[in-house]
Amino acid sequence: MGKLNATADAVLVNRYINGCEASLATLIDRYQQRIYNFIFSKVLDRDLTEDIFQDTFIKVIRNLKQRKYNEEGKFLPWVMRIAHNLIIDHFRQSNRMPKFEGKGDFNIFSVLEDEHLNAEKQMVKSQIENDVRKLIDELPEDQREVLLMRIYKDMSFKEIADKTDVSINTALGRMRYALINLRKVIDKNNIVLTRS
């Protein structure tokens, strides 16, 4: 099945390069939710996600038209890398670099770590920090414990695993679930944690 999809992607890419505009629309329809979700999981802002999503496909179109695509059958990972690089560019331009770690998760609270905030931003930072702590307090205890150690104590997953007497995989899993649960609460309440 995977090979069939990969072949279909390659065929659609080739058709688009050769002038069939509808082929790109098919590819976008096929993957837009996964790409959108990937971007949103990094920036946690719907408007920004839309902007980066659009920029991603503008770059995809430009590269395809210039025949710079040479990863036949690997269309989705190629698009994901473009999206990933645009996310990095956004954070770099706004001086809020996310921390991409391990399996693609990054510290969504890196905005809290800028020590050069002016007075106005410092007030916003304090408010965000308070909001975040309230959200964290609602997590199950095992997830909350890992999150606090990771974000506020800057402990490695090995240190967290040793401290809580679990495997590194369990510590990683708890962190992942903690972030998933936080994102659900953030999304449900339309909370924006990143500020300009």
N, C-alpha and C. Protein backbone atom coordinates (compact mmCIF):
# COMPACT_ATOMS: atom_id res chain seq x y z
N MET A 1 0.83 -1.20 0.00
CA MET A 1 0.00 0.00 0.00
C MET A 1 0.87 1.25 0.00
N GLY A 2 1.89 1.30 0.88
CA GLY A 2 2.78 2.45 0.97
C GLY A 2 3.47 2.72 -0.35
N LYS A 3 3.90 1.61 -1.00
CA LYS A 3 4.61 1.77 -2.26
C LYS A 3 3.68 2.33 -3.34
N LEU A 4 2.41 1.87 -3.30
CA LEU A 4 1.43 2.34 -4.27
C LEU A 4 1.23 3.85 -4.12
N ASN A 5 1.08 4.32 -2.87
CA ASN A 5 0.90 5.75 -2.62
C ASN A 5 2.12 6.54 -3.07
N ALA A 6 3.32 5.98 -2.77
CA ALA A 6 4.55 6.67 -3.14
C ALA A 6 4.63 6.81 -4.65
N THR A 7 4.29 5.74 -5.36
CA THR A 7 4.30 5.77 -6.82
C THR A 7 3.29 6.79 -7.34
N ALA A 8 2.12 6.81 -6.74
CA ALA A 8 1.09 7.75 -7.16
C ALA A 8 1.57 9.19 -6.94
N ASP A 9 2.24 9.44 -5.82
CA ASP A 9 2.78 10.78 -5.57
C ASP A 9 3.75 11.17 -6.68
N ALA A 10 4.65 10.25 -7.00
CA ALA A 10 5.67 10.53 -8.03
C ALA A 10 5.02 10.81 -9.38
N VAL A 11 3.98 10.04 -9.71
CA VAL A 11 3.27 10.23 -10.97
C VAL A 11 2.61 11.61 -11.00
N LEU A 12 1.97 11.97 -9.88
CA LEU A 12 1.30 13.27 -9.81
C LEU A 12 2.30 14.42 -9.91
N VAL A 13 3.46 14.26 -9.26
CA VAL A 13 4.49 15.28 -9.33
C VAL A 13 4.95 15.45 -10.78
N ASN A 14 5.19 14.35 -11.43
CA ASN A 14 5.65 14.42 -12.83
C ASN A 14 4.61 15.04 -13.75
N ARG A 15 3.35 14.70 -13.48
CA ARG A 15 2.28 15.29 -14.30
C ARG A 15 2.21 16.81 -14.10
N TYR A 16 2.37 17.23 -12.84
CA TYR A 16 2.33 18.66 -12.56
C TYR A 16 3.49 19.38 -13.24
N ILE A 17 4.68 18.79 -13.12
CA ILE A 17 5.86 19.39 -13.75
C ILE A 17 5.66 19.52 -15.26
N ASN A 18 4.90 18.58 -15.81
CA ASN A 18 4.66 18.59 -17.26
C ASN A 18 3.40 19.35 -17.65
N GLY A 19 2.86 20.14 -16.69
CA GLY A 19 1.79 21.06 -17.07
C GLY A 19 0.40 20.77 -16.56
N CYS A 20 0.21 19.67 -15.82
CA CYS A 20 -1.13 19.34 -15.32
C CYS A 20 -1.33 19.97 -13.94
N GLU A 21 -1.97 21.14 -13.90
CA GLU A 21 -2.14 21.88 -12.65
C GLU A 21 -2.96 21.09 -11.62
N ALA A 22 -3.93 20.32 -12.11
CA ALA A 22 -4.83 19.58 -11.21
C ALA A 22 -4.08 18.55 -10.37
N SER A 23 -2.94 18.07 -10.87
CA SER A 23 -2.18 17.06 -10.14
C SER A 23 -1.68 17.61 -8.81
N LEU A 24 -1.28 18.88 -8.80
CA LEU A 24 -0.82 19.47 -7.55
C LEU A 24 -1.97 19.60 -6.57
N ALA A 25 -3.14 19.97 -7.07
CA ALA A 25 -4.32 20.09 -6.21
C ALA A 25 -4.61 18.76 -5.53
N THR A 26 -4.45 17.67 -6.26
CA THR A 26 -4.67 16.33 -5.70
C THR A 26 -3.67 16.06 -4.58
N LEU A 27 -2.42 16.40 -4.81
CA LEU A 27 -1.38 16.19 -3.78
C LEU A 27 -1.65 17.04 -2.54
N ILE A 28 -2.06 18.29 -2.75
CA ILE A 28 -2.36 19.17 -1.62
C ILE A 28 -3.53 18.61 -0.82
N ASP A 29 -4.58 18.19 -1.53
CA ASP A 29 -5.75 17.59 -0.84
C ASP A 29 -5.33 16.37 -0.03
N ARG A 30 -4.44 15.59 -0.60
CA ARG A 30 -4.02 14.34 0.05
C ARG A 30 -3.29 14.60 1.36
N TYR A 31 -2.48 15.65 1.41
CA TYR A 31 -1.59 15.84 2.56
C TYR A 31 -1.83 17.12 3.36
N GLN A 32 -2.78 17.94 2.96
CA GLN A 32 -2.88 19.25 3.61
C GLN A 32 -3.14 19.15 5.11
N GLN A 33 -3.95 18.16 5.54
CA GLN A 33 -4.25 18.07 6.98
C GLN A 33 -3.00 17.70 7.78
N ARG A 34 -2.23 16.75 7.26
CA ARG A 34 -1.01 16.33 7.97
C ARG A 34 0.01 17.46 8.04
N ILE A 35 0.15 18.20 6.94
CA ILE A 35 1.12 19.30 6.91
C ILE A 35 0.64 20.45 7.80
N TYR A 36 -0.66 20.75 7.72
CA TYR A 36 -1.23 21.81 8.57
C TYR A 36 -1.05 21.47 10.05
N ASN A 37 -1.38 20.22 10.41
CA ASN A 37 -1.25 19.79 11.81
C ASN A 37 0.20 19.86 12.28
N PHE A 38 1.13 19.48 11.40
CA PHE A 38 2.55 19.53 11.73
C PHE A 38 2.97 20.97 12.04
N ILE A 39 2.57 21.91 11.16
CA ILE A 39 2.94 23.32 11.36
C ILE A 39 2.30 23.84 12.64
N PHE A 40 1.00 23.55 12.82
CA PHE A 40 0.29 24.06 14.00
C PHE A 40 0.91 23.54 15.30
N SER A 41 1.36 22.28 15.28
CA SER A 41 1.95 21.70 16.48
C SER A 41 3.23 22.42 16.89
N LYS A 42 3.85 23.13 15.94
CA LYS A 42 5.08 23.86 16.23
C LYS A 42 4.83 25.31 16.62
N VAL A 43 3.83 25.95 16.01
CA VAL A 43 3.65 27.39 16.24
C VAL A 43 2.45 27.72 17.12
N LEU A 44 1.50 26.76 17.23
CA LEU A 44 0.33 26.92 18.10
C LEU A 44 -0.43 28.23 17.86
N ASP A 45 -0.56 28.59 16.59
CA ASP A 45 -1.28 29.80 16.24
C ASP A 45 -1.90 29.56 14.86
N ARG A 46 -3.22 29.67 14.77
CA ARG A 46 -3.90 29.29 13.52
C ARG A 46 -3.56 30.23 12.36
N ASP A 47 -3.54 31.54 12.62
CA ASP A 47 -3.22 32.49 11.55
C ASP A 47 -1.81 32.27 11.02
N LEU A 48 -0.87 32.10 11.95
CA LEU A 48 0.52 31.86 11.55
C LEU A 48 0.64 30.53 10.81
N THR A 49 -0.09 29.52 11.27
CA THR A 49 -0.09 28.23 10.59
C THR A 49 -0.55 28.38 9.15
N GLU A 50 -1.64 29.15 8.95
CA GLU A 50 -2.15 29.39 7.59
C GLU A 50 -1.08 30.06 6.73
N ASP A 51 -0.40 31.06 7.30
CA ASP A 51 0.64 31.78 6.55
C ASP A 51 1.77 30.85 6.13
N ILE A 52 2.25 30.05 7.08
CA ILE A 52 3.37 29.15 6.80
C ILE A 52 2.93 28.05 5.84
N PHE A 53 1.68 27.58 6.00
CA PHE A 53 1.15 26.56 5.09
C PHE A 53 1.15 27.10 3.65
N GLN A 54 0.63 28.33 3.48
CA GLN A 54 0.61 28.94 2.14
C GLN A 54 2.02 29.12 1.60
N ASP A 55 2.92 29.62 2.46
CA ASP A 55 4.32 29.83 2.03
C ASP A 55 4.98 28.51 1.63
N THR A 56 4.62 27.44 2.37
CA THR A 56 5.17 26.12 2.06
C THR A 56 4.83 25.73 0.63
N PHE A 57 3.55 25.89 0.26
CA PHE A 57 3.15 25.45 -1.08
C PHE A 57 3.57 26.42 -2.18
N ILE A 58 3.76 27.68 -1.82
CA ILE A 58 4.35 28.62 -2.79
C ILE A 58 5.76 28.14 -3.14
N LYS A 59 6.51 27.72 -2.09
CA LYS A 59 7.88 27.24 -2.30
C LYS A 59 7.87 25.91 -3.05
N VAL A 60 6.92 25.04 -2.70
CA VAL A 60 6.79 23.75 -3.40
C VAL A 60 6.57 24.00 -4.89
N ILE A 61 5.63 24.90 -5.21
CA ILE A 61 5.31 25.20 -6.61
C ILE A 61 6.54 25.76 -7.34
N ARG A 62 7.21 26.71 -6.65
CA ARG A 62 8.40 27.33 -7.26
C ARG A 62 9.46 26.27 -7.56
N ASN A 63 9.72 25.41 -6.57
CA ASN A 63 10.75 24.38 -6.75
C ASN A 63 10.37 23.37 -7.83
N LEU A 64 9.09 23.00 -7.88
CA LEU A 64 8.65 22.05 -8.91
C LEU A 64 8.77 22.66 -10.30
N LYS A 65 8.36 23.93 -10.41
CA LYS A 65 8.42 24.59 -11.72
C LYS A 65 9.86 24.78 -12.18
N GLN A 66 10.78 24.95 -11.21
CA GLN A 66 12.20 25.08 -11.55
C GLN A 66 12.89 23.71 -11.63
N ARG A 67 12.07 22.67 -11.51
CA ARG A 67 12.56 21.28 -11.58
C ARG A 67 13.64 20.99 -10.55
N LYS A 68 13.44 21.52 -9.33
CA LYS A 68 14.41 21.29 -8.24
C LYS A 68 13.99 20.10 -7.38
N TYR A 69 12.92 19.44 -7.74
CA TYR A 69 12.47 18.27 -6.98
C TYR A 69 13.12 17.03 -7.56
N ASN A 70 13.90 16.34 -6.74
CA ASN A 70 14.58 15.15 -7.26
C ASN A 70 14.47 13.96 -6.31
N GLU A 71 13.43 13.99 -5.45
CA GLU A 71 13.25 12.90 -4.50
C GLU A 71 12.00 12.11 -4.88
N GLU A 72 12.08 11.47 -5.98
CA GLU A 72 10.92 10.77 -6.53
C GLU A 72 10.32 9.80 -5.51
N GLY A 73 9.02 9.91 -5.31
CA GLY A 73 8.34 8.99 -4.40
C GLY A 73 8.39 9.41 -2.96
N LYS A 74 9.06 10.54 -2.66
CA LYS A 74 9.15 10.99 -1.27
C LYS A 74 8.62 12.41 -1.15
N PHE A 75 7.47 12.64 -1.74
CA PHE A 75 6.90 13.98 -1.80
C PHE A 75 6.60 14.54 -0.41
N LEU A 76 5.90 13.76 0.44
CA LEU A 76 5.50 14.28 1.74
C LEU A 76 6.69 14.67 2.63
N PRO A 77 7.72 13.79 2.80
CA PRO A 77 8.88 14.21 3.60
C PRO A 77 9.56 15.46 3.05
N TRP A 78 9.56 15.59 1.73
CA TRP A 78 10.16 16.77 1.09
C TRP A 78 9.39 18.03 1.46
N VAL A 79 8.06 17.96 1.39
CA VAL A 79 7.22 19.12 1.75
C VAL A 79 7.36 19.43 3.24
N MET A 80 7.41 18.38 4.06
CA MET A 80 7.57 18.57 5.51
C MET A 80 8.88 19.30 5.82
N ARG A 81 9.93 18.98 5.10
CA ARG A 81 11.21 19.65 5.33
C ARG A 81 11.12 21.13 4.96
N ILE A 82 10.41 21.42 3.86
CA ILE A 82 10.21 22.82 3.47
C ILE A 82 9.45 23.56 4.56
N ALA A 83 8.37 22.94 5.07
CA ALA A 83 7.57 23.55 6.14
C ALA A 83 8.42 23.75 7.38
N HIS A 84 9.19 22.74 7.74
CA HIS A 84 10.07 22.79 8.92
C HIS A 84 11.04 23.96 8.81
N ASN A 85 11.64 24.13 7.63
CA ASN A 85 12.60 25.22 7.44
C ASN A 85 11.94 26.59 7.52
N LEU A 86 10.71 26.69 7.01
CA LEU A 86 9.98 27.96 7.09
C LEU A 86 9.60 28.29 8.54
N ILE A 87 9.28 27.26 9.33
CA ILE A 87 8.99 27.46 10.76
C ILE A 87 10.24 27.99 11.46
N ILE A 88 11.38 27.36 11.18
CA ILE A 88 12.66 27.80 11.76
C ILE A 88 12.93 29.25 11.37
N ASP A 89 12.71 29.58 10.08
CA ASP A 89 12.93 30.95 9.60
C ASP A 89 12.06 31.94 10.36
N HIS A 90 10.80 31.56 10.59
CA HIS A 90 9.88 32.45 11.31
C HIS A 90 10.39 32.73 12.72
N PHE A 91 10.77 31.68 13.43
CA PHE A 91 11.23 31.87 14.80
C PHE A 91 12.55 32.63 14.86
N ARG A 92 13.38 32.40 13.84
CA ARG A 92 14.66 33.10 13.80
C ARG A 92 14.43 34.61 13.61
N GLN A 93 13.49 34.94 12.71
CA GLN A 93 13.20 36.35 12.44
C GLN A 93 12.57 37.04 13.65
N SER A 94 11.82 36.28 14.45
CA SER A 94 11.17 36.90 15.61
C SER A 94 11.98 36.69 16.88
N ASN A 95 13.23 36.21 16.71
CA ASN A 95 14.12 35.98 17.85
C ASN A 95 13.52 35.05 18.90
N ARG A 96 12.72 34.10 18.45
CA ARG A 96 12.17 33.12 19.39
C ARG A 96 12.39 31.74 18.81
N MET A 97 13.62 31.28 18.86
CA MET A 97 13.92 29.98 18.27
C MET A 97 13.27 28.86 19.06
N PRO A 98 12.50 28.00 18.37
CA PRO A 98 11.96 26.83 19.06
C PRO A 98 13.07 25.81 19.26
N LYS A 99 12.90 24.90 20.19
CA LYS A 99 13.88 23.85 20.40
C LYS A 99 13.36 22.57 19.76
N PHE A 100 13.89 22.25 18.59
CA PHE A 100 13.50 20.99 17.96
C PHE A 100 14.35 19.88 18.57
N GLU A 101 13.69 18.88 19.13
CA GLU A 101 14.43 17.82 19.81
C GLU A 101 13.90 16.48 19.36
N GLY A 102 14.74 15.48 19.45
CA GLY A 102 14.33 14.09 19.30
C GLY A 102 13.41 13.84 18.14
N LYS A 103 12.13 13.64 18.45
CA LYS A 103 11.18 13.21 17.44
C LYS A 103 10.40 14.35 16.82
N GLY A 104 10.95 15.56 16.87
CA GLY A 104 10.28 16.67 16.20
C GLY A 104 9.50 17.56 17.14
N ASP A 105 9.33 17.16 18.40
CA ASP A 105 8.69 18.05 19.36
C ASP A 105 9.65 19.17 19.70
N PHE A 106 9.14 20.32 20.04
CA PHE A 106 10.03 21.36 20.54
C PHE A 106 9.37 22.05 21.71
N ASN A 107 10.18 22.75 22.46
CA ASN A 107 9.71 23.37 23.68
C ASN A 107 8.82 24.56 23.34
N ILE A 108 7.51 24.38 23.50
CA ILE A 108 6.58 25.43 23.11
C ILE A 108 6.66 26.62 24.05
N PHE A 109 7.45 26.50 25.10
CA PHE A 109 7.58 27.60 26.04
C PHE A 109 8.90 28.34 25.87
N SER A 110 9.57 28.13 24.72
CA SER A 110 10.86 28.80 24.53
C SER A 110 10.68 30.32 24.53
N VAL A 111 9.46 30.79 24.24
CA VAL A 111 9.19 32.22 24.30
C VAL A 111 9.46 32.78 25.70
N LEU A 112 9.39 31.92 26.72
CA LEU A 112 9.59 32.37 28.09
C LEU A 112 11.06 32.61 28.41
N GLU A 113 11.96 32.16 27.53
CA GLU A 113 13.36 32.12 27.88
C GLU A 113 14.16 33.34 27.40
N ASP A 114 13.50 34.28 26.74
CA ASP A 114 14.20 35.47 26.26
C ASP A 114 14.45 36.41 27.43
N GLU A 115 15.71 36.60 27.79
CA GLU A 115 16.06 37.41 28.96
C GLU A 115 16.20 38.89 28.61
N HIS A 116 16.00 39.24 27.35
CA HIS A 116 16.20 40.63 26.93
C HIS A 116 14.88 41.30 26.57
N LEU A 117 13.82 40.93 27.28
CA LEU A 117 12.52 41.51 26.98
C LEU A 117 12.42 42.92 27.54
N ASN A 118 11.75 43.79 26.79
CA ASN A 118 11.53 45.12 27.34
C ASN A 118 10.41 45.05 28.38
N ALA A 119 10.10 46.17 29.04
CA ALA A 119 9.15 46.16 30.16
C ALA A 119 7.78 45.64 29.75
N GLU A 120 7.31 46.08 28.58
CA GLU A 120 5.98 45.65 28.13
C GLU A 120 5.96 44.14 27.89
N LYS A 121 6.99 43.66 27.21
CA LYS A 121 7.05 42.23 26.92
C LYS A 121 7.25 41.43 28.20
N GLN A 122 7.95 42.02 29.16
CA GLN A 122 8.15 41.33 30.44
C GLN A 122 6.81 41.08 31.13
N MET A 123 5.90 42.06 31.02
CA MET A 123 4.57 41.90 31.61
C MET A 123 3.81 40.78 30.90
N VAL A 124 3.92 40.77 29.58
CA VAL A 124 3.26 39.71 28.80
C VAL A 124 3.84 38.36 29.17
N LYS A 125 5.18 38.32 29.31
CA LYS A 125 5.86 37.07 29.69
C LYS A 125 5.32 36.54 31.01
N SER A 126 5.17 37.44 31.98
CA SER A 126 4.67 37.02 33.30
C SER A 126 3.27 36.45 33.20
N GLN A 127 2.44 37.10 32.37
CA GLN A 127 1.07 36.62 32.20
C GLN A 127 1.06 35.25 31.53
N ILE A 128 1.88 35.09 30.49
CA ILE A 128 1.97 33.80 29.80
C ILE A 128 2.44 32.73 30.79
N GLU A 129 3.45 33.08 31.59
CA GLU A 129 3.99 32.12 32.54
C GLU A 129 2.91 31.67 33.53
N ASN A 130 2.11 32.63 33.99
CA ASN A 130 1.01 32.30 34.91
C ASN A 130 -0.01 31.39 34.23
N ASP A 131 -0.36 31.74 32.97
CA ASP A 131 -1.32 30.92 32.22
C ASP A 131 -0.80 29.50 32.04
N VAL A 132 0.48 29.41 31.68
CA VAL A 132 1.10 28.10 31.45
C VAL A 132 1.08 27.27 32.73
N ARG A 133 1.45 27.89 33.86
CA ARG A 133 1.48 27.14 35.11
C ARG A 133 0.09 26.63 35.49
N LYS A 134 -0.93 27.43 35.23
CA LYS A 134 -2.31 26.99 35.52
C LYS A 134 -2.67 25.78 34.66
N LEU A 135 -2.26 25.84 33.39
CA LEU A 135 -2.55 24.72 32.48
C LEU A 135 -1.80 23.46 32.94
N ILE A 136 -0.54 23.65 33.32
CA ILE A 136 0.27 22.51 33.76
C ILE A 136 -0.32 21.86 35.00
N ASP A 137 -0.87 22.69 35.88
CA ASP A 137 -1.46 22.16 37.12
C ASP A 137 -2.64 21.23 36.86
N GLU A 138 -3.24 21.35 35.67
CA GLU A 138 -4.39 20.51 35.33
C GLU A 138 -3.99 19.15 34.76
N LEU A 139 -2.70 18.97 34.48
CA LEU A 139 -2.24 17.71 33.90
C LEU A 139 -2.22 16.60 34.96
N PRO A 140 -2.31 15.34 34.51
CA PRO A 140 -2.10 14.22 35.44
C PRO A 140 -0.72 14.35 36.09
N GLU A 141 -0.59 13.87 37.32
CA GLU A 141 0.62 14.11 38.11
C GLU A 141 1.89 13.65 37.42
N ASP A 142 1.87 12.44 36.81
CA ASP A 142 3.11 11.92 36.19
C ASP A 142 3.55 12.80 35.01
N GLN A 143 2.55 13.30 34.23
CA GLN A 143 2.88 14.17 33.10
C GLN A 143 3.36 15.53 33.59
N ARG A 144 2.69 16.06 34.62
CA ARG A 144 3.06 17.36 35.17
C ARG A 144 4.50 17.34 35.70
N GLU A 145 4.83 16.24 36.38
CA GLU A 145 6.16 16.09 36.98
C GLU A 145 7.25 16.16 35.92
N VAL A 146 7.07 15.41 34.84
CA VAL A 146 8.06 15.38 33.76
C VAL A 146 8.17 16.75 33.10
N LEU A 147 7.03 17.37 32.84
CA LEU A 147 7.01 18.67 32.17
C LEU A 147 7.74 19.73 32.99
N LEU A 148 7.47 19.77 34.29
CA LEU A 148 8.12 20.75 35.16
C LEU A 148 9.63 20.53 35.22
N MET A 149 10.04 19.26 35.30
CA MET A 149 11.48 18.96 35.34
C MET A 149 12.15 19.38 34.03
N ARG A 150 11.45 19.11 32.93
CA ARG A 150 12.03 19.38 31.61
C ARG A 150 12.11 20.89 31.34
N ILE A 151 11.02 21.60 31.59
CA ILE A 151 10.92 23.00 31.19
C ILE A 151 11.49 23.95 32.23
N TYR A 152 11.15 23.71 33.49
CA TYR A 152 11.55 24.68 34.51
C TYR A 152 12.87 24.33 35.19
N LYS A 153 13.25 23.04 35.12
CA LYS A 153 14.53 22.65 35.73
C LYS A 153 15.57 22.28 34.67
N ASP A 154 15.12 22.28 33.39
CA ASP A 154 16.01 22.01 32.26
C ASP A 154 16.77 20.69 32.43
N MET A 155 16.07 19.67 32.95
CA MET A 155 16.70 18.36 33.13
C MET A 155 16.62 17.56 31.83
N SER A 156 17.63 16.73 31.60
CA SER A 156 17.60 15.85 30.43
C SER A 156 16.61 14.72 30.69
N PHE A 157 16.21 14.03 29.61
CA PHE A 157 15.27 12.92 29.80
C PHE A 157 15.91 11.79 30.59
N LYS A 158 17.24 11.65 30.47
CA LYS A 158 17.92 10.63 31.27
C LYS A 158 17.84 10.99 32.76
N GLU A 159 18.07 12.27 33.08
CA GLU A 159 17.97 12.71 34.46
C GLU A 159 16.56 12.55 35.01
N ILE A 160 15.57 12.87 34.16
CA ILE A 160 14.17 12.73 34.57
C ILE A 160 13.84 11.26 34.82
N ALA A 161 14.31 10.40 33.91
CA ALA A 161 14.06 8.96 34.06
C ALA A 161 14.66 8.44 35.36
N ASP A 162 15.90 8.85 35.65
CA ASP A 162 16.56 8.42 36.89
C ASP A 162 15.82 8.93 38.12
N LYS A 163 15.41 10.19 38.06
CA LYS A 163 14.75 10.83 39.21
C LYS A 163 13.39 10.20 39.51
N THR A 164 12.66 9.84 38.43
CA THR A 164 11.30 9.31 38.62
C THR A 164 11.27 7.78 38.59
N ASP A 165 12.47 7.18 38.42
CA ASP A 165 12.59 5.71 38.44
C ASP A 165 11.78 5.03 37.34
N VAL A 166 11.84 5.62 36.13
CA VAL A 166 11.19 5.00 34.97
C VAL A 166 12.20 4.95 33.83
N SER A 167 11.84 4.29 32.73
CA SER A 167 12.73 4.24 31.57
C SER A 167 12.70 5.59 30.84
N ILE A 168 13.73 5.81 30.03
CA ILE A 168 13.76 7.06 29.23
C ILE A 168 12.55 7.09 28.30
N ASN A 169 12.19 5.95 27.72
CA ASN A 169 11.02 5.91 26.82
C ASN A 169 9.75 6.32 27.54
N THR A 170 9.60 5.88 28.80
CA THR A 170 8.42 6.26 29.58
C THR A 170 8.42 7.76 29.85
N ALA A 171 9.60 8.30 30.19
CA ALA A 171 9.71 9.75 30.43
C ALA A 171 9.36 10.53 29.16
N LEU A 172 9.88 10.08 28.03
CA LEU A 172 9.57 10.71 26.74
C LEU A 172 8.07 10.63 26.45
N GLY A 173 7.50 9.45 26.70
CA GLY A 173 6.07 9.26 26.46
C GLY A 173 5.22 10.20 27.31
N ARG A 174 5.60 10.34 28.58
CA ARG A 174 4.84 11.24 29.47
C ARG A 174 4.94 12.68 29.00
N MET A 175 6.13 13.07 28.54
CA MET A 175 6.31 14.43 28.02
C MET A 175 5.45 14.65 26.78
N ARG A 176 5.43 13.64 25.91
CA ARG A 176 4.65 13.74 24.68
C ARG A 176 3.17 13.88 25.00
N TYR A 177 2.68 13.05 25.93
CA TYR A 177 1.26 13.13 26.30
C TYR A 177 0.95 14.46 26.98
N ALA A 178 1.89 14.95 27.79
CA ALA A 178 1.70 16.23 28.47
C ALA A 178 1.53 17.35 27.43
N LEU A 179 2.38 17.34 26.40
CA LEU A 179 2.29 18.36 25.36
C LEU A 179 1.00 18.22 24.56
N ILE A 180 0.62 16.98 24.27
CA ILE A 180 -0.65 16.76 23.54
C ILE A 180 -1.82 17.30 24.35
N ASN A 181 -1.84 16.97 25.64
CA ASN A 181 -2.94 17.44 26.50
C ASN A 181 -2.94 18.96 26.64
N LEU A 182 -1.75 19.55 26.77
CA LEU A 182 -1.68 21.01 26.85
C LEU A 182 -2.20 21.65 25.58
N ARG A 183 -1.81 21.08 24.45
CA ARG A 183 -2.24 21.66 23.18
C ARG A 183 -3.75 21.58 23.02
N LYS A 184 -4.34 20.48 23.51
CA LYS A 184 -5.81 20.35 23.45
C LYS A 184 -6.48 21.46 24.26
N VAL A 185 -5.96 21.70 25.46
CA VAL A 185 -6.53 22.74 26.33
C VAL A 185 -6.32 24.11 25.70
N ILE A 186 -5.11 24.34 25.17
CA ILE A 186 -4.79 25.62 24.54
C ILE A 186 -5.72 25.88 23.36
N ASP A 187 -5.90 24.85 22.53
CA ASP A 187 -6.74 24.97 21.34
C ASP A 187 -8.20 25.20 21.75
N LYS A 188 -8.67 24.43 22.72
CA LYS A 188 -10.07 24.52 23.16
C LYS A 188 -10.40 25.90 23.70
N ASN A 189 -9.44 26.50 24.39
CA ASN A 189 -9.68 27.80 25.02
C ASN A 189 -9.16 28.98 24.20
N ASN A 190 -8.68 28.67 22.98
CA ASN A 190 -8.14 29.71 22.10
C ASN A 190 -7.06 30.56 22.79
N ILE A 191 -6.20 29.88 23.54
CA ILE A 191 -5.12 30.57 24.24
C ILE A 191 -3.93 30.70 23.30
N VAL A 192 -3.36 31.88 23.23
CA VAL A 192 -2.17 32.11 22.41
C VAL A 192 -0.99 32.31 23.34
N LEU A 193 -0.03 31.38 23.26
CA LEU A 193 1.12 31.44 24.17
C LEU A 193 2.28 32.22 23.58
N THR A 194 2.33 32.32 22.26
CA THR A 194 3.44 33.04 21.65
C THR A 194 3.02 34.47 21.40
N ARG A 195 3.87 35.40 21.75
CA ARG A 195 3.56 36.82 21.57
C ARG A 195 4.67 37.47 20.75
N SER A 196 4.30 38.48 19.95
CA SER A 196 5.30 39.21 19.16
C SER A 196 6.12 40.10 20.07
